[in-house]
């Protein structure tokens, strides 16, 4: 395969990384080899969207890898709601409330798709609806409002 366009190369790499992320720990032993001929790709590639954001890694989708998003991630990590890999350390219902709050502040329209992919979960909308029916969820929502300012 000839790759003449840096955007095409980045798209291929992003698709590969997404597939690896979706595969999860069940395929940790998989070996992947990519061979590119030096003349088949440009000498310089554009900066990826997260370059320069030291804490932003390939673990995050682009919409959760902005400067504003990274500021929110730092706050929720400091509060102990997510780990260093941006995975929730709280209950499913609280994680759904967190996803909703972050998506609202970041203007993410497809919040459930984004966070279900990141956290390898399904039915987050149901978790969110369940959370809204619980009194203690109001306390957590208030904590998030204070945390996010």
N, C-alpha and C. Protein backbone atom coordinates (compact mmCIF):
# COMPACT_ATOMS: atom_id res chain seq x y z
N UNK A 1 0.85 -1.17 0.00
CA UNK A 1 0.00 0.00 0.00
C UNK A 1 0.89 1.23 0.00
N UNK A 2 0.64 2.14 -0.90
CA UNK A 2 1.37 3.40 -0.93
C UNK A 2 0.59 4.45 -0.17
N UNK A 3 1.28 5.13 0.67
CA UNK A 3 0.64 6.19 1.44
C UNK A 3 1.31 7.49 1.04
N UNK A 4 0.59 8.30 0.29
CA UNK A 4 1.15 9.54 -0.22
C UNK A 4 0.70 10.75 0.57
N UNK A 5 -0.16 10.57 1.49
CA UNK A 5 -0.78 11.69 2.16
C UNK A 5 -0.66 11.50 3.67
N UNK A 6 -0.14 12.49 4.36
CA UNK A 6 0.03 12.37 5.81
C UNK A 6 -1.32 12.21 6.51
N UNK A 7 -2.37 12.83 6.00
CA UNK A 7 -3.69 12.69 6.61
C UNK A 7 -4.18 11.24 6.48
N UNK A 8 -3.90 10.63 5.34
CA UNK A 8 -4.29 9.24 5.14
C UNK A 8 -3.53 8.33 6.11
N UNK A 9 -2.24 8.62 6.29
CA UNK A 9 -1.43 7.85 7.23
C UNK A 9 -1.98 7.99 8.65
N UNK A 10 -2.27 9.20 9.06
CA UNK A 10 -2.82 9.42 10.40
C UNK A 10 -4.17 8.73 10.55
N UNK A 11 -4.98 8.75 9.51
CA UNK A 11 -6.28 8.08 9.57
C UNK A 11 -6.11 6.58 9.76
N UNK A 12 -5.15 6.00 9.06
CA UNK A 12 -4.88 4.56 9.20
C UNK A 12 -4.41 4.24 10.61
N UNK A 13 -3.49 5.05 11.12
CA UNK A 13 -2.98 4.83 12.46
C UNK A 13 -4.09 5.00 13.49
N UNK A 14 -4.93 6.01 13.32
CA UNK A 14 -6.05 6.21 14.26
C UNK A 14 -7.02 5.04 14.23
N UNK A 15 -7.32 4.51 13.04
CA UNK A 15 -8.21 3.35 12.95
C UNK A 15 -7.59 2.14 13.65
N UNK A 16 -6.28 1.96 13.46
CA UNK A 16 -5.58 0.86 14.11
C UNK A 16 -5.62 1.01 15.63
N UNK A 17 -5.34 2.21 16.12
CA UNK A 17 -5.37 2.44 17.56
C UNK A 17 -6.77 2.23 18.12
N UNK A 18 -7.79 2.67 17.40
CA UNK A 18 -9.17 2.48 17.86
C UNK A 18 -9.50 1.00 17.95
N UNK A 19 -9.07 0.22 16.95
CA UNK A 19 -9.32 -1.22 16.97
C UNK A 19 -8.60 -1.88 18.14
N UNK A 20 -7.37 -1.44 18.40
CA UNK A 20 -6.64 -1.99 19.54
C UNK A 20 -7.34 -1.65 20.85
N UNK A 21 -7.82 -0.40 20.95
CA UNK A 21 -8.53 0.01 22.16
C UNK A 21 -9.80 -0.82 22.34
N UNK A 22 -10.53 -1.05 21.26
CA UNK A 22 -11.77 -1.82 21.34
C UNK A 22 -11.48 -3.28 21.68
N UNK A 23 -10.32 -3.79 21.24
CA UNK A 23 -9.98 -5.19 21.51
C UNK A 23 -9.78 -5.41 23.00
N UNK A 24 -9.26 -4.40 23.69
CA UNK A 24 -9.10 -4.48 25.14
C UNK A 24 -8.05 -5.49 25.55
N UNK A 25 -8.05 -5.82 26.82
CA UNK A 25 -7.00 -6.68 27.37
C UNK A 25 -7.04 -8.12 26.88
N UNK A 26 -8.13 -8.53 26.26
CA UNK A 26 -8.22 -9.92 25.82
C UNK A 26 -7.21 -10.24 24.72
N UNK A 27 -6.70 -9.23 24.02
CA UNK A 27 -5.77 -9.46 22.92
C UNK A 27 -4.41 -8.82 23.16
N UNK A 28 -3.96 -8.80 24.40
CA UNK A 28 -2.69 -8.14 24.71
C UNK A 28 -1.50 -8.78 24.02
N UNK A 29 -1.58 -10.05 23.68
CA UNK A 29 -0.46 -10.73 23.06
C UNK A 29 -0.37 -10.55 21.56
N UNK A 30 -1.26 -9.79 20.97
CA UNK A 30 -1.28 -9.60 19.53
C UNK A 30 -0.08 -8.77 19.10
N UNK A 31 0.58 -9.20 18.05
CA UNK A 31 1.72 -8.46 17.50
C UNK A 31 1.30 -7.82 16.20
N UNK A 32 1.56 -6.54 16.08
CA UNK A 32 1.19 -5.81 14.88
C UNK A 32 2.45 -5.22 14.29
N UNK A 33 2.62 -5.41 12.99
CA UNK A 33 3.79 -4.87 12.32
C UNK A 33 3.32 -4.03 11.15
N UNK A 34 3.79 -2.81 11.09
CA UNK A 34 3.47 -1.92 9.99
C UNK A 34 4.78 -1.55 9.32
N UNK A 35 4.86 -1.77 8.03
CA UNK A 35 6.07 -1.44 7.29
C UNK A 35 5.69 -0.42 6.23
N UNK A 36 6.38 0.70 6.26
CA UNK A 36 6.17 1.74 5.27
C UNK A 36 7.48 2.01 4.56
N UNK A 37 7.43 2.15 3.27
CA UNK A 37 8.61 2.51 2.52
C UNK A 37 8.88 3.99 2.74
N UNK A 38 10.13 4.37 3.00
CA UNK A 38 10.44 5.77 3.31
C UNK A 38 9.91 6.75 2.27
N UNK A 39 9.96 6.39 1.00
CA UNK A 39 9.48 7.32 -0.02
C UNK A 39 7.95 7.36 -0.11
N UNK A 40 7.28 6.49 0.61
CA UNK A 40 5.83 6.40 0.52
C UNK A 40 5.11 7.33 1.47
N UNK A 41 5.83 8.00 2.35
CA UNK A 41 5.17 8.91 3.27
C UNK A 41 5.98 10.20 3.38
N UNK A 42 5.34 11.30 3.74
CA UNK A 42 6.03 12.58 3.80
C UNK A 42 7.07 12.60 4.92
N UNK A 43 8.08 13.46 4.75
CA UNK A 43 9.14 13.56 5.75
C UNK A 43 8.63 14.19 7.04
N UNK A 44 7.66 15.07 6.96
CA UNK A 44 7.10 15.67 8.17
C UNK A 44 5.61 15.41 8.20
N UNK A 45 5.12 15.11 9.36
CA UNK A 45 3.70 14.86 9.56
C UNK A 45 3.12 16.00 10.36
N UNK A 46 1.83 16.31 10.16
CA UNK A 46 1.22 17.35 10.98
C UNK A 46 1.14 16.90 12.42
N UNK A 47 1.14 17.86 13.32
CA UNK A 47 1.02 17.55 14.73
C UNK A 47 -0.34 16.94 15.01
N UNK A 48 -0.38 15.85 15.78
CA UNK A 48 -1.67 15.30 16.17
C UNK A 48 -2.38 16.29 17.08
N UNK A 49 -3.71 16.19 17.20
CA UNK A 49 -4.47 17.16 17.97
C UNK A 49 -4.02 17.30 19.41
N UNK A 50 -3.43 16.27 19.99
CA UNK A 50 -3.09 16.30 21.41
C UNK A 50 -1.63 16.64 21.67
N UNK A 51 -0.84 16.85 20.62
CA UNK A 51 0.57 17.13 20.82
C UNK A 51 0.73 18.39 21.64
N UNK A 52 1.60 18.34 22.62
CA UNK A 52 1.80 19.50 23.47
C UNK A 52 0.97 19.43 24.74
N UNK A 53 0.00 18.59 24.78
CA UNK A 53 -0.78 18.39 26.00
C UNK A 53 -0.21 17.16 26.67
N UNK A 54 0.75 17.38 27.55
CA UNK A 54 1.55 16.29 28.10
C UNK A 54 0.74 15.15 28.68
N UNK A 55 -0.43 15.41 29.23
CA UNK A 55 -1.20 14.34 29.86
C UNK A 55 -2.15 13.67 28.88
N UNK A 56 -2.28 14.23 27.70
CA UNK A 56 -3.21 13.68 26.72
C UNK A 56 -2.49 12.60 25.92
N UNK A 57 -3.00 11.41 25.97
CA UNK A 57 -2.38 10.30 25.27
C UNK A 57 -3.33 9.76 24.22
N UNK A 58 -2.92 8.74 23.53
CA UNK A 58 -3.76 8.09 22.53
C UNK A 58 -4.96 7.39 23.14
N UNK A 59 -5.06 7.40 24.47
CA UNK A 59 -6.18 6.75 25.13
C UNK A 59 -7.49 7.51 24.94
N UNK A 60 -7.40 8.78 24.63
CA UNK A 60 -8.59 9.64 24.57
C UNK A 60 -9.01 9.95 23.15
N UNK A 61 -10.33 9.95 22.89
CA UNK A 61 -10.80 10.43 21.59
C UNK A 61 -10.55 11.93 21.49
N UNK A 62 -10.48 12.43 20.29
CA UNK A 62 -10.13 13.84 20.05
C UNK A 62 -11.02 14.82 20.81
N UNK A 63 -12.33 14.54 20.89
CA UNK A 63 -13.23 15.48 21.57
C UNK A 63 -12.98 15.56 23.07
N UNK A 64 -12.28 14.56 23.61
CA UNK A 64 -11.93 14.57 25.04
C UNK A 64 -10.46 14.89 25.26
N UNK A 65 -9.83 15.44 24.23
CA UNK A 65 -8.40 15.71 24.28
C UNK A 65 -8.11 17.18 23.97
N UNK A 66 -9.02 18.04 24.27
CA UNK A 66 -8.81 19.47 24.07
C UNK A 66 -8.24 20.07 25.35
N UNK A 67 -7.79 21.30 25.27
CA UNK A 67 -7.27 21.97 26.47
C UNK A 67 -8.35 22.03 27.56
N UNK A 68 -9.57 22.38 27.16
CA UNK A 68 -10.67 22.47 28.12
C UNK A 68 -10.97 21.10 28.74
N UNK A 69 -10.96 20.07 27.90
CA UNK A 69 -11.23 18.71 28.40
C UNK A 69 -10.12 18.26 29.34
N UNK A 70 -8.88 18.57 29.01
CA UNK A 70 -7.77 18.16 29.87
C UNK A 70 -7.86 18.82 31.24
N UNK A 71 -8.34 20.05 31.28
CA UNK A 71 -8.53 20.72 32.56
C UNK A 71 -9.58 19.98 33.40
N UNK A 72 -10.64 19.52 32.74
CA UNK A 72 -11.67 18.75 33.45
C UNK A 72 -11.12 17.41 33.91
N UNK A 73 -10.36 16.73 33.04
CA UNK A 73 -9.77 15.44 33.40
C UNK A 73 -8.88 15.59 34.63
N UNK A 74 -8.08 16.65 34.66
CA UNK A 74 -7.21 16.86 35.82
C UNK A 74 -8.02 17.00 37.11
N UNK A 75 -9.14 17.69 37.03
CA UNK A 75 -9.98 17.88 38.21
C UNK A 75 -10.60 16.56 38.68
N UNK A 76 -11.10 15.77 37.74
CA UNK A 76 -11.75 14.52 38.15
C UNK A 76 -10.73 13.47 38.58
N UNK A 77 -9.52 13.55 38.03
CA UNK A 77 -8.46 12.65 38.51
C UNK A 77 -8.06 13.03 39.93
N UNK A 78 -7.91 14.33 40.18
CA UNK A 78 -7.54 14.80 41.52
C UNK A 78 -8.62 14.42 42.54
N UNK A 79 -9.88 14.43 42.11
CA UNK A 79 -10.98 14.06 43.01
C UNK A 79 -11.08 12.55 43.19
N UNK A 80 -10.35 11.79 42.38
CA UNK A 80 -10.38 10.33 42.50
C UNK A 80 -11.52 9.67 41.74
N UNK A 81 -12.14 10.39 40.82
CA UNK A 81 -13.27 9.83 40.06
C UNK A 81 -12.81 8.98 38.87
N UNK A 82 -11.61 9.26 38.36
CA UNK A 82 -11.04 8.46 37.27
C UNK A 82 -9.57 8.20 37.59
N UNK A 83 -9.04 7.14 36.97
CA UNK A 83 -7.63 6.81 37.20
C UNK A 83 -6.75 7.50 36.16
N UNK A 84 -5.47 7.15 36.16
CA UNK A 84 -4.52 7.79 35.24
C UNK A 84 -4.77 7.43 33.78
N UNK A 85 -5.59 6.42 33.54
CA UNK A 85 -5.95 6.03 32.17
C UNK A 85 -7.35 6.52 31.80
N UNK A 86 -7.86 7.45 32.58
CA UNK A 86 -9.17 8.08 32.34
C UNK A 86 -10.34 7.10 32.50
N UNK A 87 -10.13 6.03 33.24
CA UNK A 87 -11.18 5.06 33.49
C UNK A 87 -11.83 5.36 34.83
N UNK A 88 -13.15 5.25 34.92
CA UNK A 88 -13.85 5.62 36.16
C UNK A 88 -13.50 4.68 37.32
N UNK A 89 -13.41 5.29 38.49
CA UNK A 89 -13.18 4.53 39.73
C UNK A 89 -14.41 4.62 40.61
N UNK A 90 -15.49 5.09 40.05
CA UNK A 90 -16.75 5.30 40.76
C UNK A 90 -17.80 4.36 40.19
N UNK A 91 -18.98 4.36 40.78
CA UNK A 91 -20.04 3.46 40.33
C UNK A 91 -20.48 3.78 38.90
N UNK A 92 -21.18 2.84 38.30
CA UNK A 92 -21.68 3.04 36.93
C UNK A 92 -22.61 4.25 36.84
N UNK A 93 -23.48 4.40 37.84
CA UNK A 93 -24.41 5.53 37.78
C UNK A 93 -23.67 6.86 37.96
N UNK A 94 -22.69 6.88 38.85
CA UNK A 94 -21.91 8.11 39.02
C UNK A 94 -21.08 8.40 37.77
N UNK A 95 -20.55 7.36 37.13
CA UNK A 95 -19.79 7.55 35.90
C UNK A 95 -20.68 8.14 34.80
N UNK A 96 -21.92 7.70 34.74
CA UNK A 96 -22.85 8.25 33.75
C UNK A 96 -23.13 9.73 34.03
N UNK A 97 -23.26 10.07 35.31
CA UNK A 97 -23.45 11.48 35.67
C UNK A 97 -22.20 12.30 35.33
N UNK A 98 -21.04 11.73 35.56
CA UNK A 98 -19.79 12.40 35.21
C UNK A 98 -19.70 12.61 33.70
N UNK A 99 -20.01 11.59 32.93
CA UNK A 99 -19.98 11.70 31.47
C UNK A 99 -20.92 12.79 31.00
N UNK A 100 -22.11 12.83 31.56
CA UNK A 100 -23.09 13.86 31.19
C UNK A 100 -22.56 15.26 31.51
N UNK A 101 -22.00 15.42 32.70
CA UNK A 101 -21.49 16.73 33.11
C UNK A 101 -20.33 17.18 32.22
N UNK A 102 -19.42 16.26 31.92
CA UNK A 102 -18.29 16.62 31.06
C UNK A 102 -18.76 16.94 29.65
N UNK A 103 -19.66 16.12 29.13
CA UNK A 103 -20.16 16.33 27.77
C UNK A 103 -20.89 17.68 27.66
N UNK A 104 -21.62 18.02 28.68
CA UNK A 104 -22.34 19.30 28.68
C UNK A 104 -21.35 20.46 28.62
N UNK A 105 -20.30 20.41 29.42
CA UNK A 105 -19.31 21.49 29.45
C UNK A 105 -18.46 21.54 28.19
N UNK A 106 -18.30 20.40 27.53
CA UNK A 106 -17.46 20.35 26.34
C UNK A 106 -18.27 20.43 25.04
N UNK A 107 -19.59 20.45 25.16
CA UNK A 107 -20.44 20.55 23.97
C UNK A 107 -20.42 19.29 23.12
N UNK A 108 -20.32 18.14 23.75
CA UNK A 108 -20.30 16.87 23.03
C UNK A 108 -21.73 16.40 22.83
N UNK A 109 -22.13 16.24 21.58
CA UNK A 109 -23.51 15.85 21.29
C UNK A 109 -23.74 14.35 21.45
N UNK A 110 -22.80 13.54 21.01
CA UNK A 110 -22.96 12.08 21.10
C UNK A 110 -22.25 11.55 22.34
N UNK A 111 -22.64 12.07 23.49
CA UNK A 111 -21.92 11.77 24.73
C UNK A 111 -21.88 10.30 25.07
N UNK A 112 -23.00 9.59 24.89
CA UNK A 112 -23.01 8.18 25.29
C UNK A 112 -22.09 7.37 24.40
N UNK A 113 -22.08 7.66 23.12
CA UNK A 113 -21.21 6.94 22.19
C UNK A 113 -19.73 7.19 22.55
N UNK A 114 -19.40 8.43 22.83
CA UNK A 114 -18.02 8.79 23.16
C UNK A 114 -17.56 8.10 24.44
N UNK A 115 -18.35 8.24 25.50
CA UNK A 115 -17.93 7.68 26.79
C UNK A 115 -18.08 6.16 26.85
N UNK A 116 -19.06 5.59 26.18
CA UNK A 116 -19.17 4.14 26.13
C UNK A 116 -17.95 3.54 25.44
N UNK A 117 -17.48 4.21 24.39
CA UNK A 117 -16.27 3.74 23.70
C UNK A 117 -15.04 3.88 24.56
N UNK A 118 -14.89 5.02 25.23
CA UNK A 118 -13.73 5.26 26.08
C UNK A 118 -13.69 4.30 27.26
N UNK A 119 -14.83 4.07 27.87
CA UNK A 119 -14.89 3.26 29.09
C UNK A 119 -15.30 1.81 28.83
N UNK A 120 -15.47 1.46 27.56
CA UNK A 120 -15.85 0.10 27.18
C UNK A 120 -17.08 -0.37 27.95
N UNK A 121 -18.11 0.46 27.89
CA UNK A 121 -19.37 0.17 28.59
C UNK A 121 -20.53 0.27 27.61
N UNK A 122 -21.64 -0.31 28.01
CA UNK A 122 -22.87 -0.20 27.24
C UNK A 122 -23.96 0.32 28.16
N UNK A 123 -24.99 0.85 27.56
CA UNK A 123 -26.20 1.27 28.28
C UNK A 123 -25.96 2.39 29.29
N UNK A 124 -25.07 3.31 28.96
CA UNK A 124 -24.80 4.41 29.89
C UNK A 124 -26.01 5.33 30.04
N UNK A 125 -26.82 5.43 29.00
CA UNK A 125 -28.04 6.24 29.13
C UNK A 125 -28.95 5.64 30.21
N UNK A 126 -29.04 4.33 30.25
CA UNK A 126 -29.84 3.67 31.29
C UNK A 126 -29.25 3.91 32.67
N UNK A 127 -27.91 3.86 32.76
CA UNK A 127 -27.25 4.15 34.03
C UNK A 127 -27.55 5.58 34.46
N UNK A 128 -27.55 6.49 33.50
CA UNK A 128 -27.84 7.89 33.79
C UNK A 128 -29.28 8.05 34.29
N UNK A 129 -30.21 7.43 33.60
CA UNK A 129 -31.61 7.52 34.02
C UNK A 129 -31.81 6.93 35.42
N UNK A 130 -31.15 5.83 35.69
CA UNK A 130 -31.21 5.22 37.02
C UNK A 130 -30.64 6.18 38.06
N UNK A 131 -29.54 6.82 37.73
CA UNK A 131 -28.92 7.77 38.66
C UNK A 131 -29.88 8.91 39.01
N UNK A 132 -30.61 9.37 38.01
CA UNK A 132 -31.54 10.49 38.24
C UNK A 132 -32.68 10.11 39.18
N UNK A 133 -32.94 8.81 39.32
CA UNK A 133 -34.02 8.37 40.20
C UNK A 133 -33.55 8.19 41.65
N UNK A 134 -32.26 8.40 41.89
CA UNK A 134 -31.70 8.20 43.23
C UNK A 134 -31.36 9.54 43.88
N UNK A 135 -31.71 9.66 45.14
CA UNK A 135 -31.46 10.90 45.88
C UNK A 135 -29.97 11.20 46.02
N UNK A 136 -29.19 10.16 46.29
CA UNK A 136 -27.75 10.40 46.51
C UNK A 136 -27.05 10.91 45.25
N UNK A 137 -27.68 10.70 44.09
CA UNK A 137 -27.10 11.21 42.85
C UNK A 137 -27.11 12.74 42.83
N UNK A 138 -28.08 13.33 43.49
CA UNK A 138 -28.13 14.80 43.56
C UNK A 138 -26.90 15.34 44.27
N UNK A 139 -26.47 14.64 45.30
CA UNK A 139 -25.27 15.05 46.04
C UNK A 139 -24.05 14.97 45.12
N UNK A 140 -23.95 13.89 44.35
CA UNK A 140 -22.82 13.74 43.44
C UNK A 140 -22.86 14.80 42.34
N UNK A 141 -24.05 15.11 41.82
CA UNK A 141 -24.17 16.14 40.81
C UNK A 141 -23.72 17.50 41.37
N UNK A 142 -24.07 17.77 42.62
CA UNK A 142 -23.63 19.01 43.26
C UNK A 142 -22.11 19.03 43.41
N UNK A 143 -21.52 17.88 43.74
CA UNK A 143 -20.06 17.79 43.83
C UNK A 143 -19.42 18.11 42.48
N UNK A 144 -20.00 17.57 41.41
CA UNK A 144 -19.46 17.84 40.07
C UNK A 144 -19.59 19.32 39.71
N UNK A 145 -20.70 19.92 40.06
CA UNK A 145 -20.87 21.36 39.76
C UNK A 145 -19.82 22.18 40.48
N UNK A 146 -19.56 21.87 41.73
CA UNK A 146 -18.53 22.59 42.49
C UNK A 146 -17.15 22.32 41.90
N UNK A 147 -16.89 21.07 41.53
CA UNK A 147 -15.59 20.69 40.99
C UNK A 147 -15.32 21.41 39.66
N UNK A 148 -16.31 21.45 38.80
CA UNK A 148 -16.13 22.05 37.48
C UNK A 148 -16.28 23.57 37.48
N UNK A 149 -16.82 24.09 38.57
CA UNK A 149 -16.96 25.55 38.71
C UNK A 149 -17.98 26.16 37.91
